[in-house]
C-alpha atoms as a PDB file:
ATOM      1  CA  MET A   1      28.927  21.548  -7.270  1.00  0.00           C
ATOM      2  CA  THR A   2      30.868  22.393  -4.126  1.00  0.00           C
ATOM      3  CA  ARG A   3      34.414  21.243  -3.422  1.00  0.00           C
ATOM      4  CA  TYR A   4      35.041  19.828   0.043  1.00  0.00           C
ATOM      5  CA  LYS A   5      38.330  19.242   1.808  1.00  0.00           C
ATOM      6  CA  ALA A   6      38.400  16.594   4.523  1.00  0.00           C
ATOM      7  CA  ILE A   7      41.002  15.516   7.030  1.00  0.00           C
ATOM      8  CA  ILE A   8      40.661  11.807   7.693  1.00  0.00           C
ATOM      9  CA  SER A   9      42.377   9.278   9.901  1.00  0.00           C
ATOM     10  CA  TYR A  10      42.416   5.531   9.419  1.00  0.00           C
ATOM     11  CA  ASP A  11      43.716   2.279  10.778  1.00  0.00           C
ATOM     12  CA  GLY A  12      45.499   0.864   7.747  1.00  0.00           C
ATOM     13  CA  SER A  13      45.960  -2.671   9.069  1.00  0.00           C
ATOM     14  CA  GLN A  14      42.994  -4.106   7.137  1.00  0.00           C
ATOM     15  CA  PHE A  15      43.537  -2.105   3.952  1.00  0.00           C
ATOM     16  CA  SER A  16      45.620  -2.790   0.845  1.00  0.00           C
ATOM     17  CA  GLY A  17      46.532   0.890   0.733  1.00  0.00           C
ATOM     18  CA  PHE A  18      44.828   4.188  -0.021  1.00  0.00           C
ATOM     19  CA  GLN A  19      44.438   3.993  -3.798  1.00  0.00           C
ATOM     20  CA  ARG A  20      41.624   1.971  -5.376  1.00  0.00           C
ATOM     21  CA  GLN A  21      42.750  -1.466  -6.615  1.00  0.00           C
ATOM     22  CA  THR A  22      41.047  -4.408  -8.261  1.00  0.00           C
ATOM     23  CA  ASN A  23      39.817  -7.068  -5.814  1.00  0.00           C
ATOM     24  CA  ALA A  24      41.324  -5.299  -2.789  1.00  0.00           C
ATOM     25  CA  ARG A  25      39.939  -3.280   0.121  1.00  0.00           C
ATOM     26  CA  THR A  26      41.211   0.318  -0.024  1.00  0.00           C
ATOM     27  CA  ILE A  27      40.470   3.592   1.743  1.00  0.00           C
ATOM     28  CA  GLN A  28      39.535   5.303  -1.511  1.00  0.00           C
ATOM     29  CA  GLU A  29      37.017   2.620  -2.411  1.00  0.00           C
ATOM     30  CA  GLU A  30      35.345   2.633   1.013  1.00  0.00           C
ATOM     31  CA  ILE A  31      34.966   6.423   1.112  1.00  0.00           C
ATOM     32  CA  GLU A  32      33.688   6.576  -2.454  1.00  0.00           C
ATOM     33  CA  LYS A  33      31.112   3.897  -1.622  1.00  0.00           C
ATOM     34  CA  THR A  34      29.910   5.989   1.321  1.00  0.00           C
ATOM     35  CA  LEU A  35      29.737   9.154  -0.791  1.00  0.00           C
ATOM     36  CA  SER A  36      27.786   7.271  -3.441  1.00  0.00           C
ATOM     37  CA  LYS A  37      25.234   6.151  -0.837  1.00  0.00           C
ATOM     38  CA  LEU A  38      24.858   9.731   0.354  1.00  0.00           C
ATOM     39  CA  SER A  39      24.387  10.885  -3.262  1.00  0.00           C
ATOM     40  CA  ASN A  40      21.651   8.422  -4.262  1.00  0.00           C
ATOM     41  CA  GLY A  41      24.027   6.218  -6.230  1.00  0.00           C
ATOM     42  CA  GLN A  42      25.892   8.994  -8.019  1.00  0.00           C
ATOM     43  CA  VAL A  43      29.579   8.199  -8.561  1.00  0.00           C
ATOM     44  CA  VAL A  44      31.819  10.506  -6.507  1.00  0.00           C
ATOM     45  CA  THR A  45      35.597  10.353  -6.910  1.00  0.00           C
ATOM     46  CA  ILE A  46      37.984  11.490  -4.200  1.00  0.00           C
ATOM     47  CA  GLN A  47      41.548  12.745  -4.555  1.00  0.00           C
ATOM     48  CA  GLY A  48      44.076  12.156  -1.778  1.00  0.00           C
ATOM     49  CA  ALA A  49      47.171  14.098  -0.807  1.00  0.00           C
ATOM     50  CA  GLY A  50      49.189  10.880  -0.649  1.00  0.00           C
ATOM     51  CA  ARG A  51      48.853   7.213  -1.510  1.00  0.00           C
ATOM     52  CA  THR A  52      49.729   5.248   1.594  1.00  0.00           C
ATOM     53  CA  ASP A  53      50.705   1.596   1.120  1.00  0.00           C
ATOM     54  CA  ALA A  54      49.162  -1.548   2.582  1.00  0.00           C
ATOM     55  CA  GLY A  55      49.137  -1.536   6.380  1.00  0.00           C
ATOM     56  CA  VAL A  56      50.140   2.130   6.665  1.00  0.00           C
ATOM     57  CA  HIS A  57      48.056   4.333   8.978  1.00  0.00           C
ATOM     58  CA  ALA A  58      47.074   8.005   8.986  1.00  0.00           C
ATOM     59  CA  TYR A  59      46.210  10.629  11.560  1.00  0.00           C
ATOM     60  CA  GLY A  60      45.871  13.479   9.080  1.00  0.00           C
ATOM     61  CA  GLN A  61      45.389  12.347   5.489  1.00  0.00           C
ATOM     62  CA  VAL A  62      43.718  15.016   3.315  1.00  0.00           C
ATOM     63  CA  ILE A  63      41.217  14.329   0.546  1.00  0.00           C
ATOM     64  CA  HIS A  64      38.931  16.451  -1.609  1.00  0.00           C
ATOM     65  CA  PHE A  65      35.773  15.727  -3.578  1.00  0.00           C
ATOM     66  CA  ASP A  66      32.969  17.581  -5.377  1.00  0.00           C
ATOM     67  CA  LEU A  67      29.370  17.251  -4.216  1.00  0.00           C
ATOM     68  CA  LYS A  68      26.119  19.181  -4.258  1.00  0.00           C
ATOM     69  CA  LYS A  69      26.145  21.768  -1.502  1.00  0.00           C
ATOM     70  CA  ARG A  70      25.310  20.368   1.940  1.00  0.00           C
ATOM     71  CA  ASP A  71      25.428  21.493   5.547  1.00  0.00           C
ATOM     72  CA  VAL A  72      29.091  20.912   6.336  1.00  0.00           C
ATOM     73  CA  GLU A  73      28.747  19.431   9.827  1.00  0.00           C
ATOM     74  CA  LYS A  74      25.809  17.211   8.845  1.00  0.00           C
ATOM     75  CA  LEU A  75      27.834  15.912   5.886  1.00  0.00           C
ATOM     76  CA  ARG A  76      30.894  15.294   8.064  1.00  0.00           C
ATOM     77  CA  PHE A  77      28.760  13.432  10.606  1.00  0.00           C
ATOM     78  CA  ALA A  78      27.127  11.326   7.880  1.00  0.00           C
ATOM     79  CA  LEU A  79      30.495  10.419   6.367  1.00  0.00           C
ATOM     80  CA  ASP A  80      31.919   9.641   9.793  1.00  0.00           C
ATOM     81  CA  THR A  81      29.067   7.404  10.908  1.00  0.00           C
ATOM     82  CA  GLN A  82      28.423   5.635   7.596  1.00  0.00           C
ATOM     83  CA  SER A  83      32.044   4.916   6.717  1.00  0.00           C
ATOM     84  CA  PRO A  84      33.673   1.758   8.155  1.00  0.00           C
ATOM     85  CA  ASP A  85      34.827   1.913  11.764  1.00  0.00           C
ATOM     86  CA  ASP A  86      38.495   2.005  10.736  1.00  0.00           C
ATOM     87  CA  ILE A  87      38.025   5.346   8.925  1.00  0.00           C
ATOM     88  CA  ASP A  88      37.305   8.614  10.751  1.00  0.00           C
ATOM     89  CA  PHE A  89      36.381  12.017   9.311  1.00  0.00           C
ATOM     90  CA  VAL A  90      38.215  14.434  11.589  1.00  0.00           C
ATOM     91  CA  SER A  91      37.096  17.639   9.859  1.00  0.00           C
ATOM     92  CA  LEU A  92      35.367  18.886   6.717  1.00  0.00           C
ATOM     93  CA  GLU A  93      35.248  22.291   5.053  1.00  0.00           C
ATOM     94  CA  GLU A  94      34.256  23.985   1.814  1.00  0.00           C
ATOM     95  CA  VAL A  95      37.177  25.102  -0.349  1.00  0.00           C
ATOM     96  CA  SER A  96      37.627  26.819  -3.686  1.00  0.00           C
ATOM     97  CA  ASP A  97      37.497  24.845  -6.925  1.00  0.00           C
ATOM     98  CA  GLN A  98      41.232  25.534  -7.339  1.00  0.00           C
ATOM     99  CA  PHE A  99      42.125  23.455  -4.283  1.00  0.00           C
ATOM    100  CA  HIS A 100      43.610  20.044  -5.061  1.00  0.00           C
ATOM    101  CA  ALA A 101      44.631  17.748  -2.219  1.00  0.00           C
ATOM    102  CA  ARG A 102      47.573  16.319  -4.140  1.00  0.00           C
ATOM    103  CA  TYR A 103      48.797  19.143  -6.359  1.00  0.00           C
ATOM    104  CA  CYS A 104      48.476  22.213  -4.132  1.00  0.00           C
ATOM    105  CA  LYS A 105      51.857  22.889  -2.536  1.00  0.00           C
ATOM    106  CA  HIS A 106      52.187  21.286   0.878  1.00  0.00           C
ATOM    107  CA  LEU A 107      54.445  19.645   3.442  1.00  0.00           C
ATOM    108  CA  LYS A 108      53.938  16.140   4.792  1.00  0.00           C
ATOM    109  CA  THR A 109      54.923  14.769   8.189  1.00  0.00           C
ATOM    110  CA  TYR A 110      55.365  11.040   8.720  1.00  0.00           C
ATOM    111  CA  GLU A 111      56.006   9.148  11.942  1.00  0.00           C
ATOM    112  CA  PHE A 112      57.471   5.680  12.238  1.00  0.00           C
ATOM    113  CA  LEU A 113      57.008   3.734  15.483  1.00  0.00           C
ATOM    114  CA  VAL A 114      59.492   1.031  16.452  1.00  0.00           C
ATOM    115  CA  ASP A 115      58.707  -1.262  19.377  1.00  0.00           C
ATOM    116  CA  VAL A 116      61.984  -2.035  21.188  1.00  0.00           C
ATOM    117  CA  GLY A 117      60.353  -3.764  24.163  1.00  0.00           C
ATOM    118  CA  ARG A 118      61.554  -7.131  25.433  1.00  0.00           C
ATOM    119  CA  PRO A 119      59.302  -8.973  24.857  1.00  0.00           C
ATOM    120  CA  LYS A 120      57.353  -7.166  22.150  1.00  0.00           C
ATOM    121  CA  ASN A 121      53.857  -5.862  22.802  1.00  0.00           C
ATOM    122  CA  PRO A 122      51.471  -8.180  20.897  1.00  0.00           C
ATOM    123  CA  MET A 123      48.663  -5.619  21.163  1.00  0.00           C
ATOM    124  CA  MET A 124      50.715  -3.252  18.997  1.00  0.00           C
ATOM    125  CA  ARG A 125      51.738  -5.733  16.316  1.00  0.00           C
ATOM    126  CA  HIS A 126      49.685  -3.873  13.665  1.00  0.00           C
ATOM    127  CA  TYR A 127      50.726  -0.417  14.864  1.00  0.00           C
ATOM    128  CA  ALA A 128      54.473  -0.538  15.547  1.00  0.00           C
ATOM    129  CA  THR A 129      57.325  -2.478  13.947  1.00  0.00           C
ATOM    130  CA  HIS A 130      59.161  -4.616  16.462  1.00  0.00           C
ATOM    131  CA  TYR A 131      62.965  -4.543  16.402  1.00  0.00           C
ATOM    132  CA  PRO A 132      64.441  -7.425  18.435  1.00  0.00           C
ATOM    133  CA  PHE A 133      68.118  -6.372  18.388  1.00  0.00           C
ATOM    134  CA  PRO A 134      70.092  -4.050  20.711  1.00  0.00           C
ATOM    135  CA  LEU A 135      70.096  -0.376  19.744  1.00  0.00           C
ATOM    136  CA  LYS A 136      72.030   2.728  20.698  1.00  0.00           C
ATOM    137  CA  LEU A 137      70.231   6.031  20.232  1.00  0.00           C
ATOM    138  CA  GLU A 138      73.312   8.233  19.908  1.00  0.00           C
ATOM    139  CA  PRO A 139      74.559   6.939  16.507  1.00  0.00           C
ATOM    140  CA  MET A 140      71.039   7.141  15.066  1.00  0.00           C
ATOM    141  CA  GLU A 141      70.586  10.688  16.368  1.00  0.00           C
ATOM    142  CA  GLU A 142      73.845  11.672  14.699  1.00  0.00           C
ATOM    143  CA  ALA A 143      73.103   9.896  11.427  1.00  0.00           C
ATOM    144  CA  ILE A 144      69.560  11.198  10.999  1.00  0.00           C
ATOM    145  CA  LYS A 145      70.846  14.785  10.843  1.00  0.00           C
ATOM    146  CA  TYR A 146      72.490  14.019   7.492  1.00  0.00           C
ATOM    147  CA  LEU A 147      69.027  13.482   5.969  1.00  0.00           C
ATOM    148  CA  ILE A 148      67.922  17.068   6.626  1.00  0.00           C
ATOM    149  CA  GLY A 149      68.133  19.352   3.614  1.00  0.00           C
ATOM    150  CA  THR A 150      67.705  18.946  -0.145  1.00  0.00           C
ATOM    151  CA  HIS A 151      69.092  15.665  -1.495  1.00  0.00           C
ATOM    152  CA  ASP A 152      68.652  13.118  -4.244  1.00  0.00           C
ATOM    153  CA  PHE A 153      67.066  10.247  -2.289  1.00  0.00           C
ATOM    154  CA  THR A 154      67.529   7.598  -5.000  1.00  0.00           C
ATOM    155  CA  GLY A 155      69.444   5.393  -2.547  1.00  0.00           C
ATOM    156  CA  PHE A 156      66.449   5.324  -0.204  1.00  0.00           C
ATOM    157  CA  THR A 157      63.856   4.583  -2.885  1.00  0.00           C
ATOM    158  CA  ALA A 158      62.369   1.133  -3.432  1.00  0.00           C
ATOM    159  CA  SER A 159      62.470  -0.369  -6.905  1.00  0.00           C
ATOM    160  CA  GLY A 160      59.284  -0.002  -8.905  1.00  0.00           C
ATOM    161  CA  THR A 161      58.952   3.758  -8.742  1.00  0.00           C
ATOM    162  CA  THR A 162      58.318   5.547 -12.038  1.00  0.00           C
ATOM    163  CA  ILE A 163      59.273   9.001 -10.731  1.00  0.00           C
ATOM    164  CA  GLU A 164      62.403  10.311 -12.447  1.00  0.00           C
ATOM    165  CA  ASN A 165      63.157  13.327 -10.235  1.00  0.00           C
ATOM    166  CA  LYS A 166      64.141  11.932  -6.853  1.00  0.00           C
ATOM    167  CA  VAL A 167      65.278  15.198  -5.290  1.00  0.00           C
ATOM    168  CA  ARG A 168      63.310  16.040  -2.148  1.00  0.00           C
ATOM    169  CA  THR A 169      63.759  18.401   0.801  1.00  0.00           C
ATOM    170  CA  LEU A 170      63.497  17.265   4.411  1.00  0.00           C
ATOM    171  CA  LEU A 171      62.931  20.096   6.881  1.00  0.00           C
ATOM    172  CA  ARG A 172      62.785  17.848   9.939  1.00  0.00           C
ATOM    173  CA  ALA A 173      64.240  14.462  10.799  1.00  0.00           C
ATOM    174  CA  ASP A 174      64.487  13.479  14.441  1.00  0.00           C
ATOM    175  CA  ILE A 175      64.134  10.695  16.994  1.00  0.00           C
ATOM    176  CA  THR A 176      62.370  10.525  20.351  1.00  0.00           C
ATOM    177  CA  PHE A 177      62.180   7.686  22.850  1.00  0.00           C
ATOM    178  CA  ASP A 178      58.855   6.917  24.519  1.00  0.00           C
ATOM    179  CA  THR A 179      60.023   5.262  27.736  1.00  0.00           C
ATOM    180  CA  ASP A 180      56.492   4.396  28.872  1.00  0.00           C
ATOM    181  CA  ARG A 181      55.794   2.246  25.821  1.00  0.00           C
ATOM    182  CA  ASN A 182      59.381   1.314  24.872  1.00  0.00           C
ATOM    183  CA  PHE A 183      58.884   2.934  21.466  1.00  0.00           C
ATOM    184  CA  ILE A 184      61.401   4.793  19.341  1.00  0.00           C
ATOM    185  CA  ILE A 185      59.580   7.382  17.239  1.00  0.00           C
ATOM    186  CA  PHE A 186      61.140   8.665  14.011  1.00  0.00           C
ATOM    187  CA  THR A 187      59.600  11.885  12.625  1.00  0.00           C
ATOM    188  CA  PHE A 188      60.163  13.309   9.139  1.00  0.00           C
ATOM    189  CA  THR A 189      58.732  16.473   7.554  1.00  0.00           C
ATOM    190  CA  GLY A 190      59.349  17.271   3.914  1.00  0.00           C
ATOM    191  CA  ASN A 191      57.969  18.586   0.648  1.00  0.00           C
ATOM    192  CA  GLY A 192      57.494  15.071  -0.672  1.00  0.00           C
ATOM    193  CA  PHE A 193      58.500  11.463  -0.136  1.00  0.00           C
ATOM    194  CA  LEU A 194      59.426   8.750  -2.599  1.00  0.00           C
ATOM    195  CA  TYR A 195      58.111   5.200  -2.731  1.00  0.00           C
ATOM    196  CA  LYS A 196      58.945   3.528   0.609  1.00  0.00           C
ATOM    197  CA  GLN A 197      61.504   6.254   1.362  1.00  0.00           C
ATOM    198  CA  VAL A 198      60.617   6.586   5.053  1.00  0.00           C
ATOM    199  CA  ARG A 199      60.648   2.813   5.605  1.00  0.00           C
ATOM    200  CA  ASN A 200      64.071   2.563   3.955  1.00  0.00           C
ATOM    201  CA  MET A 201      65.518   5.481   5.905  1.00  0.00           C
ATOM    202  CA  VAL A 202      64.364   4.000   9.214  1.00  0.00           C
ATOM    203  CA  GLY A 203      65.651   0.548   8.226  1.00  0.00           C
ATOM    204  CA  THR A 204      69.056   2.102   7.606  1.00  0.00           C
ATOM    205  CA  LEU A 205      69.052   4.073  10.866  1.00  0.00           C
ATOM    206  CA  LEU A 206      68.215   0.925  12.843  1.00  0.00           C
ATOM    207  CA  LYS A 207      71.204  -0.884  11.334  1.00  0.00           C
ATOM    208  CA  ILE A 208      73.356   2.061  12.365  1.00  0.00           C
ATOM    209  CA  GLY A 209      71.904   1.934  15.877  1.00  0.00           C
ATOM    210  CA  ASN A 210      72.659  -1.773  15.993  1.00  0.00           C
ATOM    211  CA  GLY A 211      76.290  -1.163  15.013  1.00  0.00           C
ATOM    212  CA  ARG A 212      76.066  -2.954  11.670  1.00  0.00           C
ATOM    213  CA  MET A 213      76.543   0.250   9.678  1.00  0.00           C
ATOM    214  CA  PRO A 214      78.651   3.342  10.425  1.00  0.00           C
ATOM    215  CA  VAL A 215      77.050   6.722  11.044  1.00  0.00           C
ATOM    216  CA  GLU A 216      78.567   7.995   7.782  1.00  0.00           C
ATOM    217  CA  GLN A 217      76.611   5.368   5.800  1.00  0.00           C
ATOM    218  CA  VAL A 218      73.772   7.874   5.338  1.00  0.00           C
ATOM    219  CA  LYS A 219      76.100  10.331   3.606  1.00  0.00           C
ATOM    220  CA  LEU A 220      77.460   7.518   1.421  1.00  0.00           C
ATOM    221  CA  ILE A 221      73.982   6.417   0.340  1.00  0.00           C
ATOM    222  CA  LEU A 222      73.017   9.971  -0.582  1.00  0.00           C
ATOM    223  CA  LYS A 223      76.263  10.450  -2.504  1.00  0.00           C
ATOM    224  CA  GLU A 224      76.304   7.138  -4.380  1.00  0.00           C
ATOM    225  CA  LYS A 225      72.492   6.963  -4.959  1.00  0.00           C
ATOM    226  CA  ASN A 226      72.749   3.199  -4.491  1.00  0.00           C
ATOM    227  CA  ARG A 227      69.830   1.374  -2.875  1.00  0.00           C
ATOM    228  CA  GLN A 228      72.057  -1.641  -2.153  1.00  0.00           C
ATOM    229  CA  LEU A 229      74.048   0.434   0.358  1.00  0.00           C
ATOM    230  CA  ALA A 230      70.965   1.157   2.498  1.00  0.00           C
ATOM    231  CA  GLY A 231      69.185  -0.900   5.120  1.00  0.00           C
ATOM    232  CA  PRO A 232      66.090  -3.070   4.690  1.00  0.00           C
ATOM    233  CA  THR A 233      62.598  -1.870   3.844  1.00  0.00           C
ATOM    234  CA  LEU A 234      60.644  -2.115   7.084  1.00  0.00           C
ATOM    235  CA  ALA A 235      57.040  -3.302   7.231  1.00  0.00           C
ATOM    236  CA  GLY A 236      54.383  -0.632   6.853  1.00  0.00           C
ATOM    237  CA  ASN A 237      52.658  -1.327  10.175  1.00  0.00           C
ATOM    238  CA  GLY A 238      54.795   1.245  12.024  1.00  0.00           C
ATOM    239  CA  LEU A 239      54.260   4.072   9.532  1.00  0.00           C
ATOM    240  CA  TYR A 240      51.782   6.938  10.034  1.00  0.00           C
ATOM    241  CA  LEU A 241      50.914   9.873   7.796  1.00  0.00           C
ATOM    242  CA  LYS A 242      50.700  12.367  10.631  1.00  0.00           C
ATOM    243  CA  GLU A 243      49.982  15.763   9.104  1.00  0.00           C
ATOM    244  CA  ILE A 244      49.712  17.694   5.842  1.00  0.00           C
ATOM    245  CA  ILE A 245      50.194  21.455   5.854  1.00  0.00           C
ATOM    246  CA  TYR A 246      49.212  23.502   2.801  1.00  0.00           C
ATOM    247  CA  GLU A 247      50.674  26.836   1.837  1.00  0.00           C
ATOM    248  CA  ASP A 248      48.221  29.740   1.957  1.00  0.00           C
END
């Protein structure tokens, strides 16, 4: 058997998330169904680098799977054309049996798109979260800097997580404003992210930009590790898994 690593992108708006679930449409299930068809009914299991939630999109999700040796480009083309239209196989390559999409050391980059247009763009309702209140960029730009570094992100974690160690390192956290589309784009790069962490961080930053929280609230949340001090959990429609970079 040969191990393959694939970079995939997907429109998450019609999925219940990445991971297979009972009576729900998921990215994992759809790809495994396609691989099974290409393998004459043989069950093929994929492993993903991350488990995106319902409605969350990806430009650069990474998966791996084991299959009998094939021509790489022919296999990529078959997966791309026989998978549903909302899944795309960007690239495919052979890797060693030691490669594991989830457990090999890597960095993830997420983007979160906020539509601040008045009125909102209805064509982007599945792809950007609309924020209908006034915002100032300067307080958010100041506050987001406090997230960079190694912290216990308990205060930005949604309830329901079973992970005990909530210490993560963010190497990048910044904001850009797309004037053409009236989008604010939040970008985060780190060695791992907790359950709904990005959505909670952005929800907090928006409250700061709206003047309903002080800039120093981010430092307080990190210090107190109290979810109640943070902003709301935003919908997943504005969230994108942008890139995964593995260490050599």
